[in-house]
Amino acid sequence: MVDVPHDPATRAEIRAFIRANHPDVGGDPEAFAAGLARLRGRTADPRFDAPIVVETRPSGVRGLLHRVRCRWRRRHAPPRVR
């Protein structure tokens, strides 16, 4: 949860902004998030700016061979503990 100042004036300003700009009542979602972050005194979290990367695994016969090969390598690998 985000720390928000608890004085009544700030809370009233945040609540008024939410009532006027919330996406459920027709507001722009990006403008809403930016305005809410500004009112809360912080910027948007940079962790969520990275691109989404989807990695695929082989399927079908190649996938079956891949899984069998990986399992064989794990079973025949030297022990990790001495």
PDB file of N, CA and C in Angstrom:
ATOM      1  N   MET A   1       0.837  -1.172   0.000  1.00  0.00           N
ATOM      2  CA  MET A   1       0.000   0.000   0.000  1.00  0.00           C
ATOM      3  C   MET A   1       0.878   1.229   0.000  1.00  0.00           C
ATOM      4  N   VAL A   2       0.416   2.284  -0.603  1.00  0.00           N
ATOM      5  CA  VAL A   2       1.188   3.507  -0.725  1.00  0.00           C
ATOM      6  C   VAL A   2       0.894   4.400   0.460  1.00  0.00           C
ATOM      7  N   ASP A   3       1.951   5.005   1.011  1.00  0.00           N
ATOM      8  CA  ASP A   3       1.762   5.962   2.096  1.00  0.00           C
ATOM      9  C   ASP A   3       1.184   7.250   1.539  1.00  0.00           C
ATOM     10  N   VAL A   4       0.038   7.634   2.045  1.00  0.00           N
ATOM     11  CA  VAL A   4      -0.627   8.861   1.622  1.00  0.00           C
ATOM     12  C   VAL A   4      -0.772   9.726   2.860  1.00  0.00           C
ATOM     13  N   PRO A   5      -0.475  11.024   2.741  1.00  0.00           N
ATOM     14  CA  PRO A   5      -0.674  11.901   3.898  1.00  0.00           C
ATOM     15  C   PRO A   5      -2.125  11.826   4.381  1.00  0.00           C
ATOM     16  N   HIS A   6      -2.284  11.801   5.684  1.00  0.00           N
ATOM     17  CA  HIS A   6      -3.612  11.587   6.248  1.00  0.00           C
ATOM     18  C   HIS A   6      -4.339  12.869   6.625  1.00  0.00           C
ATOM     19  N   ASP A   7      -3.795  14.030   6.262  1.00  0.00           N
ATOM     20  CA  ASP A   7      -4.517  15.242   6.621  1.00  0.00           C
ATOM     21  C   ASP A   7      -5.777  15.349   5.749  1.00  0.00           C
ATOM     22  N   PRO A   8      -6.845  15.875   6.282  1.00  0.00           N
ATOM     23  CA  PRO A   8      -8.133  15.890   5.582  1.00  0.00           C
ATOM     24  C   PRO A   8      -8.115  16.635   4.241  1.00  0.00           C
ATOM     25  N   ALA A   9      -7.337  17.686   4.120  1.00  0.00           N
ATOM     26  CA  ALA A   9      -7.323  18.448   2.874  1.00  0.00           C
ATOM     27  C   ALA A   9      -6.733  17.629   1.727  1.00  0.00           C
ATOM     28  N   THR A  10      -5.634  16.915   2.010  1.00  0.00           N
ATOM     29  CA  THR A  10      -5.010  16.089   0.975  1.00  0.00           C
ATOM     30  C   THR A  10      -5.912  14.931   0.587  1.00  0.00           C
ATOM     31  N   ARG A  11      -6.499  14.302   1.589  1.00  0.00           N
ATOM     32  CA  ARG A  11      -7.414  13.185   1.307  1.00  0.00           C
ATOM     33  C   ARG A  11      -8.608  13.665   0.474  1.00  0.00           C
ATOM     34  N   ALA A  12      -9.125  14.827   0.784  1.00  0.00           N
ATOM     35  CA  ALA A  12     -10.262  15.364   0.028  1.00  0.00           C
ATOM     36  C   ALA A  12      -9.853  15.664  -1.409  1.00  0.00           C
ATOM     37  N   GLU A  13      -8.645  16.187  -1.607  1.00  0.00           N
ATOM     38  CA  GLU A  13      -8.171  16.482  -2.954  1.00  0.00           C
ATOM     39  C   GLU A  13      -8.009  15.189  -3.768  1.00  0.00           C
ATOM     40  N   ILE A  14      -7.451  14.155  -3.145  1.00  0.00           N
ATOM     41  CA  ILE A  14      -7.271  12.873  -3.834  1.00  0.00           C
ATOM     42  C   ILE A  14      -8.634  12.261  -4.179  1.00  0.00           C
ATOM     43  N   ARG A  15      -9.565  12.285  -3.236  1.00  0.00           N
ATOM     44  CA  ARG A  15     -10.887  11.711  -3.479  1.00  0.00           C
ATOM     45  C   ARG A  15     -11.632  12.460  -4.580  1.00  0.00           C
ATOM     46  N   ALA A  16     -11.499  13.783  -4.603  1.00  0.00           N
ATOM     47  CA  ALA A  16     -12.156  14.567  -5.657  1.00  0.00           C
ATOM     48  C   ALA A  16     -11.555  14.237  -7.018  1.00  0.00           C
ATOM     49  N   PHE A  17     -10.231  14.090  -7.079  1.00  0.00           N
ATOM     50  CA  PHE A  17      -9.576  13.727  -8.325  1.00  0.00           C
ATOM     51  C   PHE A  17     -10.041  12.356  -8.797  1.00  0.00           C
ATOM     52  N   ILE A  18     -10.133  11.405  -7.888  1.00  0.00           N
ATOM     53  CA  ILE A  18     -10.569  10.050  -8.244  1.00  0.00           C
ATOM     54  C   ILE A  18     -12.001  10.070  -8.767  1.00  0.00           C
ATOM     55  N   ARG A  19     -12.901  10.786  -8.079  1.00  0.00           N
ATOM     56  CA  ARG A  19     -14.294  10.847  -8.529  1.00  0.00           C
ATOM     57  C   ARG A  19     -14.421  11.454  -9.919  1.00  0.00           C
ATOM     58  N   ALA A  20     -13.566  12.423 -10.230  1.00  0.00           N
ATOM     59  CA  ALA A  20     -13.676  13.109 -11.517  1.00  0.00           C
ATOM     60  C   ALA A  20     -12.974  12.373 -12.657  1.00  0.00           C
ATOM     61  N   ASN A  21     -11.888  11.640 -12.368  1.00  0.00           N
ATOM     62  CA  ASN A  21     -11.043  11.109 -13.442  1.00  0.00           C
ATOM     63  C   ASN A  21     -10.923   9.592 -13.479  1.00  0.00           C
ATOM     64  N   HIS A  22     -11.660   8.882 -12.668  1.00  0.00           N
ATOM     65  CA  HIS A  22     -11.526   7.415 -12.644  1.00  0.00           C
ATOM     66  C   HIS A  22     -11.941   6.822 -13.991  1.00  0.00           C
ATOM     67  N   PRO A  23     -11.197   5.806 -14.476  1.00  0.00           N
ATOM     68  CA  PRO A  23     -11.531   5.196 -15.773  1.00  0.00           C
ATOM     69  C   PRO A  23     -12.936   4.580 -15.826  1.00  0.00           C
ATOM     70  N   ASP A  24     -13.478   4.177 -14.704  1.00  0.00           N
ATOM     71  CA  ASP A  24     -14.822   3.598 -14.701  1.00  0.00           C
ATOM     72  C   ASP A  24     -15.909   4.628 -14.997  1.00  0.00           C
ATOM     73  N   VAL A  25     -15.585   5.920 -14.824  1.00  0.00           N
ATOM     74  CA  VAL A  25     -16.565   6.965 -15.125  1.00  0.00           C
ATOM     75  C   VAL A  25     -16.171   7.758 -16.366  1.00  0.00           C
ATOM     76  N   GLY A  26     -15.309   7.175 -17.203  1.00  0.00           N
ATOM     77  CA  GLY A  26     -14.973   7.790 -18.474  1.00  0.00           C
ATOM     78  C   GLY A  26     -13.660   8.530 -18.520  1.00  0.00           C
ATOM     79  N   GLY A  27     -12.841   8.446 -17.482  1.00  0.00           N
ATOM     80  CA  GLY A  27     -11.549   9.124 -17.489  1.00  0.00           C
ATOM     81  C   GLY A  27     -10.493   8.322 -18.248  1.00  0.00           C
ATOM     82  N   ASP A  28      -9.422   8.988 -18.614  1.00  0.00           N
ATOM     83  CA  ASP A  28      -8.307   8.347 -19.316  1.00  0.00           C
ATOM     84  C   ASP A  28      -7.467   7.575 -18.304  1.00  0.00           C
ATOM     85  N   PRO A  29      -7.232   6.259 -18.498  1.00  0.00           N
ATOM     86  CA  PRO A  29      -6.478   5.463 -17.513  1.00  0.00           C
ATOM     87  C   PRO A  29      -5.055   5.962 -17.289  1.00  0.00           C
ATOM     88  N   GLU A  30      -4.366   6.383 -18.347  1.00  0.00           N
ATOM     89  CA  GLU A  30      -2.982   6.846 -18.181  1.00  0.00           C
ATOM     90  C   GLU A  30      -2.935   8.176 -17.444  1.00  0.00           C
ATOM     91  N   ALA A  31      -3.845   9.066 -17.770  1.00  0.00           N
ATOM     92  CA  ALA A  31      -3.896  10.353 -17.075  1.00  0.00           C
ATOM     93  C   ALA A  31      -4.292  10.146 -15.617  1.00  0.00           C
ATOM     94  N   PHE A  32      -5.175   9.194 -15.367  1.00  0.00           N
ATOM     95  CA  PHE A  32      -5.592   8.888 -14.001  1.00  0.00           C
ATOM     96  C   PHE A  32      -4.405   8.391 -13.180  1.00  0.00           C
ATOM     97  N   ALA A  33      -3.633   7.441 -13.738  1.00  0.00           N
ATOM     98  CA  ALA A  33      -2.479   6.895 -13.016  1.00  0.00           C
ATOM     99  C   ALA A  33      -1.432   7.976 -12.765  1.00  0.00           C
ATOM    100  N   ALA A  34      -1.170   8.816 -13.764  1.00  0.00           N
ATOM    101  CA  ALA A  34      -0.184   9.881 -13.598  1.00  0.00           C
ATOM    102  C   ALA A  34      -0.643  10.899 -12.558  1.00  0.00           C
ATOM    103  N   GLY A  35      -1.893  11.290 -12.605  1.00  0.00           N
ATOM    104  CA  GLY A  35      -2.409  12.258 -11.638  1.00  0.00           C
ATOM    105  C   GLY A  35      -2.439  11.708 -10.228  1.00  0.00           C
ATOM    106  N   LEU A  36      -2.801  10.442 -10.095  1.00  0.00           N
ATOM    107  CA  LEU A  36      -2.819   9.818  -8.775  1.00  0.00           C
ATOM    108  C   LEU A  36      -1.411   9.706  -8.215  1.00  0.00           C
ATOM    109  N   ALA A  37      -0.444   9.352  -9.068  1.00  0.00           N
ATOM    110  CA  ALA A  37       0.948   9.284  -8.608  1.00  0.00           C
ATOM    111  C   ALA A  37       1.446  10.668  -8.188  1.00  0.00           C
ATOM    112  N   ARG A  38       1.058  11.687  -8.956  1.00  0.00           N
ATOM    113  CA  ARG A  38       1.462  13.050  -8.609  1.00  0.00           C
ATOM    114  C   ARG A  38       0.861  13.461  -7.271  1.00  0.00           C
ATOM    115  N   LEU A  39      -0.406  13.154  -7.061  1.00  0.00           N
ATOM    116  CA  LEU A  39      -1.058  13.526  -5.809  1.00  0.00           C
ATOM    117  C   LEU A  39      -0.503  12.750  -4.620  1.00  0.00           C
ATOM    118  N   ARG A  40      -0.102  11.541  -4.858  1.00  0.00           N
ATOM    119  CA  ARG A  40       0.475  10.737  -3.777  1.00  0.00           C
ATOM    120  C   ARG A  40       1.938  11.067  -3.540  1.00  0.00           C
ATOM    121  N   GLY A  41       2.506  11.887  -4.413  1.00  0.00           N
ATOM    122  CA  GLY A  41       3.871  12.336  -4.184  1.00  0.00           C
ATOM    123  C   GLY A  41       4.930  11.351  -4.634  1.00  0.00           C
ATOM    124  N   ARG A  42       4.627  10.568  -5.644  1.00  0.00           N
ATOM    125  CA  ARG A  42       5.632   9.645  -6.155  1.00  0.00           C
ATOM    126  C   ARG A  42       5.435   9.507  -7.656  1.00  0.00           C
ATOM    127  N   THR A  43       6.428   8.966  -8.322  1.00  0.00           N
ATOM    128  CA  THR A  43       6.321   8.740  -9.752  1.00  0.00           C
ATOM    129  C   THR A  43       5.871   7.313  -9.996  1.00  0.00           C
ATOM    130  N   ALA A  44       5.545   7.001 -11.226  1.00  0.00           N
ATOM    131  CA  ALA A  44       5.124   5.645 -11.564  1.00  0.00           C
ATOM    132  C   ALA A  44       6.287   4.684 -11.336  1.00  0.00           C
ATOM    133  N   ASP A  45       5.978   3.459 -10.998  1.00  0.00           N
ATOM    134  CA  ASP A  45       6.973   2.440 -10.703  1.00  0.00           C
ATOM    135  C   ASP A  45       7.709   2.039 -11.983  1.00  0.00           C
ATOM    136  N   PRO A  46       9.036   2.211 -12.049  1.00  0.00           N
ATOM    137  CA  PRO A  46       9.767   1.903 -13.283  1.00  0.00           C
ATOM    138  C   PRO A  46       9.885   0.402 -13.561  1.00  0.00           C
ATOM    139  N   ARG A  47       9.555  -0.453 -12.598  1.00  0.00           N
ATOM    140  CA  ARG A  47       9.664  -1.900 -12.822  1.00  0.00           C
ATOM    141  C   ARG A  47       8.711  -2.365 -13.902  1.00  0.00           C
ATOM    142  N   PHE A  48       7.631  -1.648 -14.119  1.00  0.00           N
ATOM    143  CA  PHE A  48       6.616  -2.098 -15.058  1.00  0.00           C
ATOM    144  C   PHE A  48       6.758  -1.470 -16.442  1.00  0.00           C
ATOM    145  N   ASP A  49       7.884  -0.796 -16.697  1.00  0.00           N
ATOM    146  CA  ASP A  49       8.117  -0.187 -17.997  1.00  0.00           C
ATOM    147  C   ASP A  49       8.846  -1.122 -18.954  1.00  0.00           C
ATOM    148  N   ALA A  50       9.340  -2.233 -18.474  1.00  0.00           N
ATOM    149  CA  ALA A  50      10.105  -3.148 -19.326  1.00  0.00           C
ATOM    150  C   ALA A  50       9.171  -3.850 -20.308  1.00  0.00           C
ATOM    151  N   PRO A  51       9.695  -4.203 -21.481  1.00  0.00           N
ATOM    152  CA  PRO A  51       8.852  -4.922 -22.443  1.00  0.00           C
ATOM    153  C   PRO A  51       8.586  -6.347 -21.978  1.00  0.00           C
ATOM    154  N   ILE A  52       7.484  -6.899 -22.417  1.00  0.00           N
ATOM    155  CA  ILE A  52       7.113  -8.262 -22.062  1.00  0.00           C
ATOM    156  C   ILE A  52       7.745  -9.206 -23.075  1.00  0.00           C
ATOM    157  N   VAL A  53       8.438 -10.223 -22.572  1.00  0.00           N
ATOM    158  CA  VAL A  53       9.103 -11.187 -23.429  1.00  0.00           C
ATOM    159  C   VAL A  53       8.465 -12.550 -23.197  1.00  0.00           C
ATOM    160  N   VAL A  54       8.025 -13.181 -24.272  1.00  0.00           N
ATOM    161  CA  VAL A  54       7.417 -14.503 -24.181  1.00  0.00           C
ATOM    162  C   VAL A  54       8.362 -15.497 -24.839  1.00  0.00           C
ATOM    163  N   GLU A  55       8.764 -16.493 -24.085  1.00  0.00           N
ATOM    164  CA  GLU A  55       9.637 -17.522 -24.626  1.00  0.00           C
ATOM    165  C   GLU A  55       8.812 -18.772 -24.868  1.00  0.00           C
ATOM    166  N   THR A  56       9.006 -19.369 -26.014  1.00  0.00           N
ATOM    167  CA  THR A  56       8.251 -20.578 -26.345  1.00  0.00           C
ATOM    168  C   THR A  56       9.151 -21.792 -26.224  1.00  0.00           C
ATOM    169  N   ARG A  57       8.549 -22.900 -25.894  1.00  0.00           N
ATOM    170  CA  ARG A  57       9.269 -24.162 -25.848  1.00  0.00           C
ATOM    171  C   ARG A  57       8.849 -24.976 -27.058  1.00  0.00           C
ATOM    172  N   PRO A  58       9.735 -25.835 -27.525  1.00  0.00           N
ATOM    173  CA  PRO A  58       9.370 -26.647 -28.682  1.00  0.00           C
ATOM    174  C   PRO A  58       8.188 -27.554 -28.355  1.00  0.00           C
ATOM    175  N   SER A  59       7.357 -27.791 -29.351  1.00  0.00           N
ATOM    176  CA  SER A  59       6.207 -28.664 -29.143  1.00  0.00           C
ATOM    177  C   SER A  59       6.264 -29.808 -30.143  1.00  0.00           C
ATOM    178  N   GLY A  60       5.347 -30.717 -30.027  1.00  0.00           N
ATOM    179  CA  GLY A  60       5.290 -31.854 -30.939  1.00  0.00           C
ATOM    180  C   GLY A  60       6.435 -32.816 -30.691  1.00  0.00           C
ATOM    181  N   VAL A  61       6.945 -33.406 -31.766  1.00  0.00           N
ATOM    182  CA  VAL A  61       8.026 -34.389 -31.647  1.00  0.00           C
ATOM    183  C   VAL A  61       9.298 -33.717 -31.137  1.00  0.00           C
ATOM    184  N   ARG A  62       9.580 -32.499 -31.619  1.00  0.00           N
ATOM    185  CA  ARG A  62      10.769 -31.779 -31.132  1.00  0.00           C
ATOM    186  C   ARG A  62      10.668 -31.523 -29.637  1.00  0.00           C
ATOM    187  N   GLY A  63       9.471 -31.175 -29.156  1.00  0.00           N
ATOM    188  CA  GLY A  63       9.283 -30.925 -27.728  1.00  0.00           C
ATOM    189  C   GLY A  63       9.473 -32.186 -26.915  1.00  0.00           C
ATOM    190  N   LEU A  64       8.948 -33.292 -27.422  1.00  0.00           N
ATOM    191  CA  LEU A  64       9.107 -34.576 -26.731  1.00  0.00           C
ATOM    192  C   LEU A  64      10.577 -34.954 -26.652  1.00  0.00           C
ATOM    193  N   LEU A  65      11.285 -34.836 -27.767  1.00  0.00           N
ATOM    194  CA  LEU A  65      12.719 -35.140 -27.756  1.00  0.00           C
ATOM    195  C   LEU A  65      13.480 -34.202 -26.823  1.00  0.00           C
ATOM    196  N   HIS A  66      13.101 -32.943 -26.800  1.00  0.00           N
ATOM    197  CA  HIS A  66      13.754 -31.976 -25.918  1.00  0.00           C
ATOM    198  C   HIS A  66      13.571 -32.378 -24.453  1.00  0.00           C
ATOM    199  N   ARG A  67      12.339 -32.724 -24.071  1.00  0.00           N
ATOM    200  CA  ARG A  67      12.090 -33.114 -22.681  1.00  0.00           C
ATOM    201  C   ARG A  67      12.823 -34.391 -22.306  1.00  0.00           C
ATOM    202  N   VAL A  68      12.850 -35.371 -23.207  1.00  0.00           N
ATOM    203  CA  VAL A  68      13.564 -36.629 -22.931  1.00  0.00           C
ATOM    204  C   VAL A  68      15.058 -36.353 -22.791  1.00  0.00           C
ATOM    205  N   ARG A  69      15.605 -35.535 -23.688  1.00  0.00           N
ATOM    206  CA  ARG A  69      17.032 -35.223 -23.643  1.00  0.00           C
ATOM    207  C   ARG A  69      17.389 -34.486 -22.347  1.00  0.00           C
ATOM    208  N   CYS A  70      16.571 -33.538 -21.929  1.00  0.00           N
ATOM    209  CA  CYS A  70      16.834 -32.800 -20.690  1.00  0.00           C
ATOM    210  C   CYS A  70      16.775 -33.719 -19.477  1.00  0.00           C
ATOM    211  N   ARG A  71      15.790 -34.589 -19.466  1.00  0.00           N
ATOM    212  CA  ARG A  71      15.675 -35.518 -18.341  1.00  0.00           C
ATOM    213  C   ARG A  71      16.869 -36.460 -18.304  1.00  0.00           C
ATOM    214  N   TRP A  72      17.307 -36.962 -19.456  1.00  0.00           N
ATOM    215  CA  TRP A  72      18.457 -37.860 -19.503  1.00  0.00           C
ATOM    216  C   TRP A  72      19.706 -37.148 -18.992  1.00  0.00           C
ATOM    217  N   ARG A  73      19.886 -35.875 -19.399  1.00  0.00           N
ATOM    218  CA  ARG A  73      21.052 -35.116 -18.939  1.00  0.00           C
ATOM    219  C   ARG A  73      21.025 -34.888 -17.442  1.00  0.00           C
ATOM    220  N   ARG A  74      19.838 -34.617 -16.883  1.00  0.00           N
ATOM    221  CA  ARG A  74      19.744 -34.426 -15.433  1.00  0.00           C
ATOM    222  C   ARG A  74      20.070 -35.711 -14.688  1.00  0.00           C
ATOM    223  N   ARG A  75      19.589 -36.844 -15.204  1.00  0.00           N
ATOM    224  CA  ARG A  75      19.815 -38.124 -14.520  1.00  0.00           C
ATOM    225  C   ARG A  75      21.256 -38.584 -14.616  1.00  0.00           C
ATOM    226  N   HIS A  76      21.947 -38.225 -15.703  1.00  0.00           N
ATOM    227  CA  HIS A  76      23.312 -38.694 -15.893  1.00  0.00           C
ATOM    228  C   HIS A  76      24.355 -37.617 -15.595  1.00  0.00           C
ATOM    229  N   ALA A  77      23.948 -36.532 -15.051  1.00  0.00           N
ATOM    230  CA  ALA A  77      24.890 -35.473 -14.692  1.00  0.00           C
ATOM    231  C   ALA A  77      25.634 -35.858 -13.428  1.00  0.00           C
ATOM    232  N   PRO A  78      26.849 -35.343 -13.257  1.00  0.00           N
ATOM    233  CA  PRO A  78      27.569 -35.633 -12.004  1.00  0.00           C
ATOM    234  C   PRO A  78      26.840 -34.993 -10.825  1.00  0.00           C
ATOM    235  N   PRO A  79      27.033 -35.501  -9.615  1.00  0.00           N
ATOM    236  CA  PRO A  79      26.330 -34.928  -8.464  1.00  0.00           C
ATOM    237  C   PRO A  79      26.772 -33.479  -8.207  1.00  0.00           C
ATOM    238  N   ARG A  80      25.838 -32.676  -7.733  1.00  0.00           N
ATOM    239  CA  ARG A  80      26.151 -31.273  -7.470  1.00  0.00           C
ATOM    240  C   ARG A  80      26.849 -31.108  -6.127  1.00  0.00           C
ATOM    241  N   VAL A  81      26.702 -32.079  -5.238  1.00  0.00           N
ATOM    242  CA  VAL A  81      27.305 -32.016  -3.907  1.00  0.00           C
ATOM    243  C   VAL A  81      28.436 -33.027  -3.851  1.00  0.00           C
ATOM    244  N   ARG A  82      29.535 -32.627  -3.279  1.00  0.00           N
ATOM    245  CA  ARG A  82      30.678 -33.541  -3.168  1.00  0.00           C
ATOM    246  C   ARG A  82      30.574 -34.381  -1.937  1.00  0.00           C
TER     247      ARG A  82
END
